[in-house]
PDB file of N, CA and C in Angstrom:
ATOM      1  N   MET A   1     389.608 119.880 202.889  1.00  0.00           N
ATOM      2  CA  MET A   1     388.024 119.748 202.424  1.00  0.00           C
ATOM      3  C   MET A   1     388.285 119.767 200.988  1.00  0.00           C
ATOM      4  N   LYS A   2     389.222 120.540 200.217  1.00  0.00           N
ATOM      5  CA  LYS A   2     389.262 120.637 198.789  1.00  0.00           C
ATOM      6  C   LYS A   2     389.568 119.313 198.136  1.00  0.00           C
ATOM      7  N   LYS A   3     390.414 118.560 199.017  1.00  0.00           N
ATOM      8  CA  LYS A   3     391.148 117.151 198.333  1.00  0.00           C
ATOM      9  C   LYS A   3     390.050 116.163 198.583  1.00  0.00           C
ATOM     10  N   ASN A   4     389.072 116.200 199.639  1.00  0.00           N
ATOM     11  CA  ASN A   4     387.779 115.337 199.784  1.00  0.00           C
ATOM     12  C   ASN A   4     386.903 115.618 198.736  1.00  0.00           C
ATOM     13  N   LEU A   5     386.551 116.691 198.224  1.00  0.00           N
ATOM     14  CA  LEU A   5     385.835 117.155 197.196  1.00  0.00           C
ATOM     15  C   LEU A   5     386.234 116.683 195.728  1.00  0.00           C
ATOM     16  N   SER A   6     387.685 116.862 195.756  1.00  0.00           N
ATOM     17  CA  SER A   6     388.181 116.438 194.301  1.00  0.00           C
ATOM     18  C   SER A   6     387.924 114.857 194.385  1.00  0.00           C
ATOM     19  N   ARG A   7     387.990 114.165 195.398  1.00  0.00           N
ATOM     20  CA  ARG A   7     388.170 112.738 195.382  1.00  0.00           C
ATOM     21  C   ARG A   7     386.924 112.315 195.197  1.00  0.00           C
ATOM     22  N   THR A   8     385.761 112.933 195.754  1.00  0.00           N
ATOM     23  CA  THR A   8     384.418 112.726 195.528  1.00  0.00           C
ATOM     24  C   THR A   8     383.881 112.896 194.005  1.00  0.00           C
ATOM     25  N   THR A   9     384.410 114.070 193.549  1.00  0.00           N
ATOM     26  CA  THR A   9     384.225 114.353 191.988  1.00  0.00           C
ATOM     27  C   THR A   9     384.766 113.157 191.207  1.00  0.00           C
ATOM     28  N   THR A  10     386.092 112.775 191.617  1.00  0.00           N
ATOM     29  CA  THR A  10     386.784 111.696 190.588  1.00  0.00           C
ATOM     30  C   THR A  10     385.917 110.420 190.830  1.00  0.00           C
ATOM     31  N   VAL A  11     385.286 110.152 192.044  1.00  0.00           N
ATOM     32  CA  VAL A  11     384.461 109.015 191.991  1.00  0.00           C
ATOM     33  C   VAL A  11     383.340 109.062 191.313  1.00  0.00           C
ATOM     34  N   ILE A  12     382.631 110.285 191.226  1.00  0.00           N
ATOM     35  CA  ILE A  12     381.446 110.402 190.588  1.00  0.00           C
ATOM     36  C   ILE A  12     381.536 110.293 188.951  1.00  0.00           C
ATOM     37  N   ILE A  13     382.537 110.940 188.599  1.00  0.00           N
ATOM     38  CA  ILE A  13     382.991 110.872 187.000  1.00  0.00           C
ATOM     39  C   ILE A  13     383.190 109.644 186.573  1.00  0.00           C
ATOM     40  N   GLY A  14     384.058 108.632 187.676  1.00  0.00           N
ATOM     41  CA  GLY A  14     384.195 107.214 187.313  1.00  0.00           C
ATOM     42  C   GLY A  14     383.070 106.601 187.112  1.00  0.00           C
ATOM     43  N   LEU A  15     382.200 106.655 188.089  1.00  0.00           N
ATOM     44  CA  LEU A  15     380.999 105.861 188.037  1.00  0.00           C
ATOM     45  C   LEU A  15     379.992 106.162 186.781  1.00  0.00           C
ATOM     46  N   VAL A  16     380.043 107.595 186.564  1.00  0.00           N
ATOM     47  CA  VAL A  16     379.464 107.821 185.252  1.00  0.00           C
ATOM     48  C   VAL A  16     379.902 107.207 184.149  1.00  0.00           C
ATOM     49  N   TRP A  17     381.329 107.252 183.909  1.00  0.00           N
ATOM     50  CA  TRP A  17     382.108 106.661 182.788  1.00  0.00           C
ATOM     51  C   TRP A  17     381.820 105.129 182.651  1.00  0.00           C
ATOM     52  N   SER A  18     381.862 104.696 183.928  1.00  0.00           N
ATOM     53  CA  SER A  18     381.642 103.157 184.183  1.00  0.00           C
ATOM     54  C   SER A  18     380.271 102.579 183.635  1.00  0.00           C
ATOM     55  N   MET A  19     379.183 103.459 184.001  1.00  0.00           N
ATOM     56  CA  MET A  19     377.876 103.334 183.627  1.00  0.00           C
ATOM     57  C   MET A  19     377.528 103.374 182.123  1.00  0.00           C
ATOM     58  N   MET A  20     378.313 104.579 181.449  1.00  0.00           N
ATOM     59  CA  MET A  20     378.251 104.679 180.158  1.00  0.00           C
ATOM     60  C   MET A  20     378.754 103.309 179.287  1.00  0.00           C
ATOM     61  N   ILE A  21     380.100 103.041 179.826  1.00  0.00           N
ATOM     62  CA  ILE A  21     380.786 102.077 179.144  1.00  0.00           C
ATOM     63  C   ILE A  21     379.992 100.935 179.128  1.00  0.00           C
ATOM     64  N   ALA A  22     379.285 100.476 180.333  1.00  0.00           N
ATOM     65  CA  ALA A  22     378.513  99.102 180.432  1.00  0.00           C
ATOM     66  C   ALA A  22     377.289  99.290 179.596  1.00  0.00           C
ATOM     67  N   SER A  23     376.763 100.776 179.645  1.00  0.00           N
ATOM     68  CA  SER A  23     375.694 100.681 178.437  1.00  0.00           C
ATOM     69  C   SER A  23     376.079 100.442 177.094  1.00  0.00           C
ATOM     70  N   PHE A  24     377.158 100.848 176.814  1.00  0.00           N
ATOM     71  CA  PHE A  24     377.456 100.708 175.219  1.00  0.00           C
ATOM     72  C   PHE A  24     378.056  99.165 175.057  1.00  0.00           C
ATOM     73  N   SER A  25     378.269  98.470 176.135  1.00  0.00           N
ATOM     74  CA  SER A  25     378.861  96.952 176.018  1.00  0.00           C
ATOM     75  C   SER A  25     377.677  96.229 175.474  1.00  0.00           C
ATOM     76  N   ILE A  26     376.343  96.869 175.283  1.00  0.00           N
ATOM     77  CA  ILE A  26     375.312  96.156 174.816  1.00  0.00           C
ATOM     78  C   ILE A  26     375.611  95.668 173.223  1.00  0.00           C
ATOM     79  N   LYS A  27     376.197  96.331 172.669  1.00  0.00           N
ATOM     80  CA  LYS A  27     376.635  96.084 171.359  1.00  0.00           C
ATOM     81  C   LYS A  27     377.351  94.814 171.202  1.00  0.00           C
ATOM     82  N   TYR A  28     377.913  94.400 172.182  1.00  0.00           N
ATOM     83  CA  TYR A  28     378.758  93.175 172.069  1.00  0.00           C
ATOM     84  C   TYR A  28     377.699  92.054 172.435  1.00  0.00           C
ATOM     85  N   GLU A  29     377.114  91.568 171.228  1.00  0.00           N
ATOM     86  CA  GLU A  29     376.118  90.602 171.269  1.00  0.00           C
ATOM     87  C   GLU A  29     376.628  89.237 171.080  1.00  0.00           C
ATOM     88  N   ARG A  30     376.158  88.152 171.721  1.00  0.00           N
ATOM     89  CA  ARG A  30     376.498  86.896 171.594  1.00  0.00           C
ATOM     90  C   ARG A  30     375.479  85.751 171.881  1.00  0.00           C
ATOM     91  N   VAL A  31     375.391  84.776 171.220  1.00  0.00           N
ATOM     92  CA  VAL A  31     374.413  83.849 171.612  1.00  0.00           C
ATOM     93  C   VAL A  31     374.668  82.674 172.634  1.00  0.00           C
ATOM     94  N   ILE A  32     374.088  82.794 173.527  1.00  0.00           N
ATOM     95  CA  ILE A  32     374.329  82.002 174.930  1.00  0.00           C
ATOM     96  C   ILE A  32     373.587  80.619 174.813  1.00  0.00           C
ATOM     97  N   THR A  33     374.374  79.542 175.025  1.00  0.00           N
ATOM     98  CA  THR A  33     373.735  78.140 175.142  1.00  0.00           C
ATOM     99  C   THR A  33     373.038  78.236 176.626  1.00  0.00           C
ATOM    100  N   PRO A  34     372.350  77.215 176.947  1.00  0.00           N
ATOM    101  CA  PRO A  34     371.614  76.949 178.188  1.00  0.00           C
ATOM    102  C   PRO A  34     372.927  76.541 178.963  1.00  0.00           C
ATOM    103  N   ASP A  35     373.109  77.215 180.074  1.00  0.00           N
ATOM    104  CA  ASP A  35     374.032  76.985 181.235  1.00  0.00           C
ATOM    105  C   ASP A  35     373.505  78.049 182.392  1.00  0.00           C
ATOM    106  N   ILE A  36     374.682  77.987 183.370  1.00  0.00           N
ATOM    107  CA  ILE A  36     374.232  78.833 184.491  1.00  0.00           C
ATOM    108  C   ILE A  36     373.975  80.075 184.163  1.00  0.00           C
ATOM    109  N   LEU A  37     374.758  81.048 183.124  1.00  0.00           N
ATOM    110  CA  LEU A  37     374.506  82.340 182.882  1.00  0.00           C
ATOM    111  C   LEU A  37     373.007  82.695 182.132  1.00  0.00           C
ATOM    112  N   CYS A  38     372.523  81.661 181.400  1.00  0.00           N
ATOM    113  CA  CYS A  38     371.303  81.735 180.784  1.00  0.00           C
ATOM    114  C   CYS A  38     370.080  81.075 181.503  1.00  0.00           C
ATOM    115  N   PRO A  39     369.158  81.980 181.913  1.00  0.00           N
ATOM    116  CA  PRO A  39     368.088  81.355 182.669  1.00  0.00           C
ATOM    117  C   PRO A  39     367.175  80.623 181.799  1.00  0.00           C
ATOM    118  N   TYR A  40     367.159  80.404 180.546  1.00  0.00           N
ATOM    119  CA  TYR A  40     366.275  79.750 179.635  1.00  0.00           C
ATOM    120  C   TYR A  40     366.954  78.660 179.205  1.00  0.00           C
ATOM    121  N   HIS A  41     366.123  77.566 178.571  1.00  0.00           N
ATOM    122  CA  HIS A  41     366.361  76.386 178.059  1.00  0.00           C
ATOM    123  C   HIS A  41     366.846  76.105 176.792  1.00  0.00           C
ATOM    124  N   TYR A  42     366.948  77.287 176.018  1.00  0.00           N
ATOM    125  CA  TYR A  42     367.210  77.515 174.607  1.00  0.00           C
ATOM    126  C   TYR A  42     368.173  78.546 174.402  1.00  0.00           C
ATOM    127  N   CYS A  43     368.946  78.474 173.301  1.00  0.00           N
ATOM    128  CA  CYS A  43     369.909  79.337 172.858  1.00  0.00           C
ATOM    129  C   CYS A  43     369.343  80.776 172.557  1.00  0.00           C
ATOM    130  N   GLN A  44     370.005  81.629 172.988  1.00  0.00           N
ATOM    131  CA  GLN A  44     369.255  82.987 173.346  1.00  0.00           C
ATOM    132  C   GLN A  44     370.456  84.097 172.844  1.00  0.00           C
ATOM    133  N   LEU A  45     370.001  85.125 172.214  1.00  0.00           N
ATOM    134  CA  LEU A  45     370.917  86.319 172.131  1.00  0.00           C
ATOM    135  C   LEU A  45     371.028  87.133 173.230  1.00  0.00           C
ATOM    136  N   SER A  46     372.284  87.629 173.637  1.00  0.00           N
ATOM    137  CA  SER A  46     372.530  88.530 174.825  1.00  0.00           C
ATOM    138  C   SER A  46     373.174  89.562 174.451  1.00  0.00           C
ATOM    139  N   GLY A  47     373.473  90.784 175.398  1.00  0.00           N
ATOM    140  CA  GLY A  47     374.151  91.820 175.164  1.00  0.00           C
ATOM    141  C   GLY A  47     374.912  91.999 176.459  1.00  0.00           C
ATOM    142  N   GLY A  48     376.026  92.641 176.520  1.00  0.00           N
ATOM    143  CA  GLY A  48     376.586  93.039 177.563  1.00  0.00           C
ATOM    144  C   GLY A  48     378.165  92.337 177.756  1.00  0.00           C
ATOM    145  N   PHE A  49     378.954  93.165 178.252  1.00  0.00           N
ATOM    146  CA  PHE A  49     380.386  92.464 178.488  1.00  0.00           C
ATOM    147  C   PHE A  49     380.708  93.305 179.881  1.00  0.00           C
ATOM    148  N   PRO A  50     381.574  92.143 180.760  1.00  0.00           N
ATOM    149  CA  PRO A  50     381.980  90.682 180.380  1.00  0.00           C
ATOM    150  C   PRO A  50     380.715  89.931 180.911  1.00  0.00           C
ATOM    151  N   LEU A  51     379.716  90.468 181.552  1.00  0.00           N
ATOM    152  CA  LEU A  51     378.749  89.722 182.019  1.00  0.00           C
ATOM    153  C   LEU A  51     377.281  90.104 181.029  1.00  0.00           C
ATOM    154  N   PRO A  52     376.652  89.002 180.389  1.00  0.00           N
ATOM    155  CA  PRO A  52     375.312  89.561 179.693  1.00  0.00           C
ATOM    156  C   PRO A  52     374.469  90.147 180.725  1.00  0.00           C
ATOM    157  N   TYR A  53     373.714  91.197 180.415  1.00  0.00           N
ATOM    158  CA  TYR A  53     372.739  91.530 181.268  1.00  0.00           C
ATOM    159  C   TYR A  53     371.382  92.239 180.480  1.00  0.00           C
ATOM    160  N   LEU A  54     371.272  91.947 179.247  1.00  0.00           N
ATOM    161  CA  LEU A  54     370.062  91.864 178.356  1.00  0.00           C
ATOM    162  C   LEU A  54     370.021  90.873 177.633  1.00  0.00           C
ATOM    163  N   PHE A  55     368.816  90.036 177.622  1.00  0.00           N
ATOM    164  CA  PHE A  55     368.624  88.976 177.049  1.00  0.00           C
ATOM    165  C   PHE A  55     367.362  89.044 176.069  1.00  0.00           C
ATOM    166  N   ASP A  56     367.421  88.593 174.988  1.00  0.00           N
ATOM    167  CA  ASP A  56     366.169  88.487 174.043  1.00  0.00           C
ATOM    168  C   ASP A  56     365.097  87.988 174.419  1.00  0.00           C
ATOM    169  N   ALA A  57     363.950  88.537 174.617  1.00  0.00           N
ATOM    170  CA  ALA A  57     362.489  88.189 175.096  1.00  0.00           C
ATOM    171  C   ALA A  57     362.066  87.232 173.973  1.00  0.00           C
ATOM    172  N   GLU A  58     361.459  86.197 174.333  1.00  0.00           N
ATOM    173  CA  GLU A  58     360.854  85.412 173.257  1.00  0.00           C
ATOM    174  C   GLU A  58     359.304  85.632 173.345  1.00  0.00           C
ATOM    175  N   GLY A  59     358.992  86.061 172.027  1.00  0.00           N
ATOM    176  CA  GLY A  59     357.456  86.447 171.806  1.00  0.00           C
ATOM    177  C   GLY A  59     357.224  87.954 172.179  1.00  0.00           C
ATOM    178  N   VAL A  60     357.981  88.523 172.731  1.00  0.00           N
ATOM    179  CA  VAL A  60     357.751  89.877 173.188  1.00  0.00           C
ATOM    180  C   VAL A  60     358.589  90.984 172.206  1.00  0.00           C
ATOM    181  N   SER A  61     359.763  90.761 172.072  1.00  0.00           N
ATOM    182  CA  SER A  61     360.456  91.722 171.140  1.00  0.00           C
ATOM    183  C   SER A  61     360.778  91.140 169.769  1.00  0.00           C
ATOM    184  N   VAL A  62     361.298  91.885 168.968  1.00  0.00           N
ATOM    185  CA  VAL A  62     361.863  91.291 167.748  1.00  0.00           C
ATOM    186  C   VAL A  62     363.065  90.034 167.819  1.00  0.00           C
ATOM    187  N   MET A  63     362.842  89.009 167.439  1.00  0.00           N
ATOM    188  CA  MET A  63     363.755  88.061 167.825  1.00  0.00           C
ATOM    189  C   MET A  63     365.214  88.364 166.849  1.00  0.00           C
ATOM    190  N   GLY A  64     366.294  88.252 167.445  1.00  0.00           N
ATOM    191  CA  GLY A  64     367.379  88.386 166.969  1.00  0.00           C
ATOM    192  C   GLY A  64     367.950  90.040 167.109  1.00  0.00           C
ATOM    193  N   GLY A  65     367.258  90.678 167.738  1.00  0.00           N
ATOM    194  CA  GLY A  65     367.724  92.049 168.054  1.00  0.00           C
ATOM    195  C   GLY A  65     367.575  92.544 169.606  1.00  0.00           C
ATOM    196  N   LEU A  66     368.487  93.277 170.038  1.00  0.00           N
ATOM    197  CA  LEU A  66     368.238  93.826 171.541  1.00  0.00           C
ATOM    198  C   LEU A  66     367.663  95.106 171.545  1.00  0.00           C
ATOM    199  N   TRP A  67     366.755  95.284 172.448  1.00  0.00           N
ATOM    200  CA  TRP A  67     366.308  96.884 172.600  1.00  0.00           C
ATOM    201  C   TRP A  67     365.886  96.768 174.269  1.00  0.00           C
ATOM    202  N   TRP A  68     366.246  97.897 174.762  1.00  0.00           N
ATOM    203  CA  TRP A  68     366.210  98.181 176.186  1.00  0.00           C
ATOM    204  C   TRP A  68     364.639  97.941 176.785  1.00  0.00           C
ATOM    205  N   GLY A  69     363.626  98.576 175.756  1.00  0.00           N
ATOM    206  CA  GLY A  69     362.446  98.488 176.352  1.00  0.00           C
ATOM    207  C   GLY A  69     361.764  97.145 176.479  1.00  0.00           C
ATOM    208  N   GLU A  70     362.058  96.286 175.348  1.00  0.00           N
ATOM    209  CA  GLU A  70     361.419  95.143 175.234  1.00  0.00           C
ATOM    210  C   GLU A  70     362.176  93.867 175.586  1.00  0.00           C
ATOM    211  N   ASP A  71     363.233  93.827 175.834  1.00  0.00           N
ATOM    212  CA  ASP A  71     364.041  92.564 176.118  1.00  0.00           C
ATOM    213  C   ASP A  71     364.299  92.364 177.933  1.00  0.00           C
ATOM    214  N   ASN A  72     364.708  91.375 178.166  1.00  0.00           N
ATOM    215  CA  ASN A  72     364.740  91.105 179.847  1.00  0.00           C
ATOM    216  C   ASN A  72     366.042  91.830 180.278  1.00  0.00           C
ATOM    217  N   PHE A  73     366.176  92.475 181.149  1.00  0.00           N
ATOM    218  CA  PHE A  73     367.006  93.229 181.903  1.00  0.00           C
ATOM    219  C   PHE A  73     367.266  92.652 183.166  1.00  0.00           C
ATOM    220  N   TYR A  74     368.631  92.291 183.081  1.00  0.00           N
ATOM    221  CA  TYR A  74     369.051  91.835 184.798  1.00  0.00           C
ATOM    222  C   TYR A  74     369.962  92.707 185.231  1.00  0.00           C
ATOM    223  N   VAL A  75     369.489  93.381 186.505  1.00  0.00           N
ATOM    224  CA  VAL A  75     370.113  94.525 187.117  1.00  0.00           C
ATOM    225  C   VAL A  75     371.485  94.223 187.843  1.00  0.00           C
ATOM    226  N   LEU A  76     371.574  92.986 188.453  1.00  0.00           N
ATOM    227  CA  LEU A  76     372.763  92.472 189.230  1.00  0.00           C
ATOM    228  C   LEU A  76     373.904  92.329 188.213  1.00  0.00           C
ATOM    229  N   SER A  77     373.447  91.930 186.869  1.00  0.00           N
ATOM    230  CA  SER A  77     374.472  91.576 185.961  1.00  0.00           C
ATOM    231  C   SER A  77     375.162  93.033 185.263  1.00  0.00           C
ATOM    232  N   PHE A  78     374.051  93.915 185.158  1.00  0.00           N
ATOM    233  CA  PHE A  78     374.429  95.264 184.804  1.00  0.00           C
ATOM    234  C   PHE A  78     375.407  95.853 185.896  1.00  0.00           C
ATOM    235  N   PHE A  79     375.051  96.061 187.191  1.00  0.00           N
ATOM    236  CA  PHE A  79     375.570  96.662 188.171  1.00  0.00           C
ATOM    237  C   PHE A  79     377.091  95.918 188.453  1.00  0.00           C
ATOM    238  N   LEU A  80     377.259  94.670 188.195  1.00  0.00           N
ATOM    239  CA  LEU A  80     378.540  93.900 188.193  1.00  0.00           C
ATOM    240  C   LEU A  80     379.472  94.336 186.958  1.00  0.00           C
ATOM    241  N   ASP A  81     378.748  94.658 185.967  1.00  0.00           N
ATOM    242  CA  ASP A  81     379.540  95.216 184.877  1.00  0.00           C
ATOM    243  C   ASP A  81     380.103  96.642 185.081  1.00  0.00           C
ATOM    244  N   VAL A  82     379.239  97.464 185.661  1.00  0.00           N
ATOM    245  CA  VAL A  82     379.503  98.743 186.090  1.00  0.00           C
ATOM    246  C   VAL A  82     380.571  98.574 187.163  1.00  0.00           C
ATOM    247  N   LEU A  83     380.726  97.630 188.118  1.00  0.00           N
ATOM    248  CA  LEU A  83     381.618  97.762 189.202  1.00  0.00           C
ATOM    249  C   LEU A  83     382.950  97.152 188.334  1.00  0.00           C
ATOM    250  N   PHE A  84     382.959  96.321 187.374  1.00  0.00           N
ATOM    251  CA  PHE A  84     384.223  95.855 186.579  1.00  0.00           C
ATOM    252  C   PHE A  84     384.782  97.142 185.980  1.00  0.00           C
ATOM    253  N   TYR A  85     383.841  97.783 185.269  1.00  0.00           N
ATOM    254  CA  TYR A  85     384.737  98.979 184.459  1.00  0.00           C
ATOM    255  C   TYR A  85     385.082 100.073 185.673  1.00  0.00           C
ATOM    256  N   PHE A  86     384.382 100.061 186.551  1.00  0.00           N
ATOM    257  CA  PHE A  86     384.877 101.149 187.528  1.00  0.00           C
ATOM    258  C   PHE A  86     386.187 100.853 188.077  1.00  0.00           C
ATOM    259  N   VAL A  87     386.501  99.401 188.489  1.00  0.00           N
ATOM    260  CA  VAL A  87     387.573  99.131 188.834  1.00  0.00           C
ATOM    261  C   VAL A  87     388.749  99.218 188.022  1.00  0.00           C
ATOM    262  N   VAL A  88     388.462  98.860 186.909  1.00  0.00           N
ATOM    263  CA  VAL A  88     389.545  99.075 185.536  1.00  0.00           C
ATOM    264  C   VAL A  88     389.840 100.381 185.547  1.00  0.00           C
ATOM    265  N   LEU A  89     388.851 101.396 185.318  1.00  0.00           N
ATOM    266  CA  LEU A  89     389.176 102.724 185.271  1.00  0.00           C
ATOM    267  C   LEU A  89     389.815 103.461 186.377  1.00  0.00           C
ATOM    268  N   THR A  90     389.460 102.892 187.767  1.00  0.00           N
ATOM    269  CA  THR A  90     390.203 103.408 188.914  1.00  0.00           C
ATOM    270  C   THR A  90     391.785 103.092 188.863  1.00  0.00           C
ATOM    271  N   PHE A  91     392.017 101.880 188.252  1.00  0.00           N
ATOM    272  CA  PHE A  91     393.368 101.326 188.324  1.00  0.00           C
ATOM    273  C   PHE A  91     394.102 102.158 187.289  1.00  0.00           C
ATOM    274  N   ILE A  92     393.513 102.303 186.047  1.00  0.00           N
ATOM    275  CA  ILE A  92     394.259 103.256 184.988  1.00  0.00           C
ATOM    276  C   ILE A  92     394.451 104.710 185.623  1.00  0.00           C
ATOM    277  N   TYR A  93     393.464 105.205 186.146  1.00  0.00           N
ATOM    278  CA  TYR A  93     393.575 106.610 186.902  1.00  0.00           C
ATOM    279  C   TYR A  93     394.871 106.723 187.832  1.00  0.00           C
ATOM    280  N   TYR A  94     394.797 105.770 188.776  1.00  0.00           N
ATOM    281  CA  TYR A  94     395.882 105.716 189.709  1.00  0.00           C
ATOM    282  C   TYR A  94     397.067 105.346 188.991  1.00  0.00           C
ATOM    283  N   LEU A  95     397.179 104.792 188.167  1.00  0.00           N
ATOM    284  CA  LEU A  95     398.439 104.260 187.216  1.00  0.00           C
ATOM    285  C   LEU A  95     399.001 105.597 186.655  1.00  0.00           C
ATOM    286  N   VAL A  96     398.066 106.337 186.021  1.00  0.00           N
ATOM    287  CA  VAL A  96     398.571 107.387 185.300  1.00  0.00           C
ATOM    288  C   VAL A  96     398.928 108.719 186.172  1.00  0.00           C
ATOM    289  N   GLU A  97     398.188 108.736 187.592  1.00  0.00           N
ATOM    290  CA  GLU A  97     398.664 109.606 188.466  1.00  0.00           C
ATOM    291  C   GLU A  97     399.968 109.205 189.115  1.00  0.00           C
ATOM    292  N   LYS A  98     400.441 108.243 189.232  1.00  0.00           N
ATOM    293  CA  LYS A  98     401.832 107.722 189.722  1.00  0.00           C
ATOM    294  C   LYS A  98     402.966 108.213 188.860  1.00  0.00           C
ATOM    295  N   ILE A  99     402.400 107.863 187.380  1.00  0.00           N
ATOM    296  CA  ILE A  99     403.499 108.201 186.425  1.00  0.00           C
ATOM    297  C   ILE A  99     403.519 109.609 186.378  1.00  0.00           C
ATOM    298  N   ARG A 100     402.555 110.519 186.378  1.00  0.00           N
ATOM    299  CA  ARG A 100     402.647 111.968 186.322  1.00  0.00           C
ATOM    300  C   ARG A 100     403.326 112.088 187.689  1.00  0.00           C
ATOM    301  N   ILE A 101     403.200 111.934 188.759  1.00  0.00           N
ATOM    302  CA  ILE A 101     403.901 112.381 190.044  1.00  0.00           C
ATOM    303  C   ILE A 101     405.370 112.180 189.837  1.00  0.00           C
ATOM    304  N   CYS A 102     405.675 110.769 189.107  1.00  0.00           N
ATOM    305  CA  CYS A 102     406.905 110.318 188.989  1.00  0.00           C
ATOM    306  C   CYS A 102     407.769 111.274 188.030  1.00  0.00           C
ATOM    307  N   PHE A 103     407.238 111.750 186.872  1.00  0.00           N
ATOM    308  CA  PHE A 103     407.768 112.731 186.008  1.00  0.00           C
ATOM    309  C   PHE A 103     407.956 113.937 186.498  1.00  0.00           C
ATOM    310  N   LEU A 104     407.014 114.589 187.290  1.00  0.00           N
ATOM    311  CA  LEU A 104     407.063 115.950 187.738  1.00  0.00           C
ATOM    312  C   LEU A 104     408.102 116.089 188.944  1.00  0.00           C
ATOM    313  N   SER A 105     408.256 115.027 189.700  1.00  0.00           N
ATOM    314  CA  SER A 105     409.200 115.252 190.880  1.00  0.00           C
ATOM    315  C   SER A 105     410.949 114.943 190.495  1.00  0.00           C
ATOM    316  N   GLU A 106     410.921 114.599 189.311  1.00  0.00           N
ATOM    317  CA  GLU A 106     412.280 114.552 188.818  1.00  0.00           C
ATOM    318  C   GLU A 106     413.082 115.979 188.764  1.00  0.00           C
ATOM    319  N   GLN A 107     414.288 116.017 189.365  1.00  0.00           N
ATOM    320  CA  GLN A 107     415.250 116.940 189.426  1.00  0.00           C
ATOM    321  C   GLN A 107     415.891 117.230 187.877  1.00  0.00           C
ATOM    322  N   PRO A 108     415.650 118.395 187.407  1.00  0.00           N
ATOM    323  CA  PRO A 108     416.298 118.431 185.877  1.00  0.00           C
ATOM    324  C   PRO A 108     418.013 118.403 186.083  1.00  0.00           C
ATOM    325  N   VAL A 109     418.416 117.798 184.888  1.00  0.00           N
ATOM    326  CA  VAL A 109     419.900 117.583 184.879  1.00  0.00           C
ATOM    327  C   VAL A 109     420.530 118.951 184.697  1.00  0.00           C
ATOM    328  N   LYS A 110     421.671 119.317 185.401  1.00  0.00           N
ATOM    329  CA  LYS A 110     422.291 120.675 184.982  1.00  0.00           C
ATOM    330  C   LYS A 110     423.594 120.494 184.180  1.00  0.00           C
TER     331      LYS A 110
END
């Protein structure tokens, strides 16, 4: 029971960290030209990494700046970013655990 609780706690902490990293990735701003990722027909400022999830709204917000309450937020792109960061953090966690177990299981040299 304790091992399952520990695993659940680890997953929750990983999801919280993933959401925080994805939220802070809004600072990675770039101008997107019209293509599949951009739903508009003009160049537009966007934020988020690896997928942009916040797009500058024309006429509503201050142009050239991103703000959560004013600009267009795409939930699917945000959750794909969270999933990306969760996979990366999970990989790093298991890699560190494997290394830690390898070093702890070694017999000391006499």
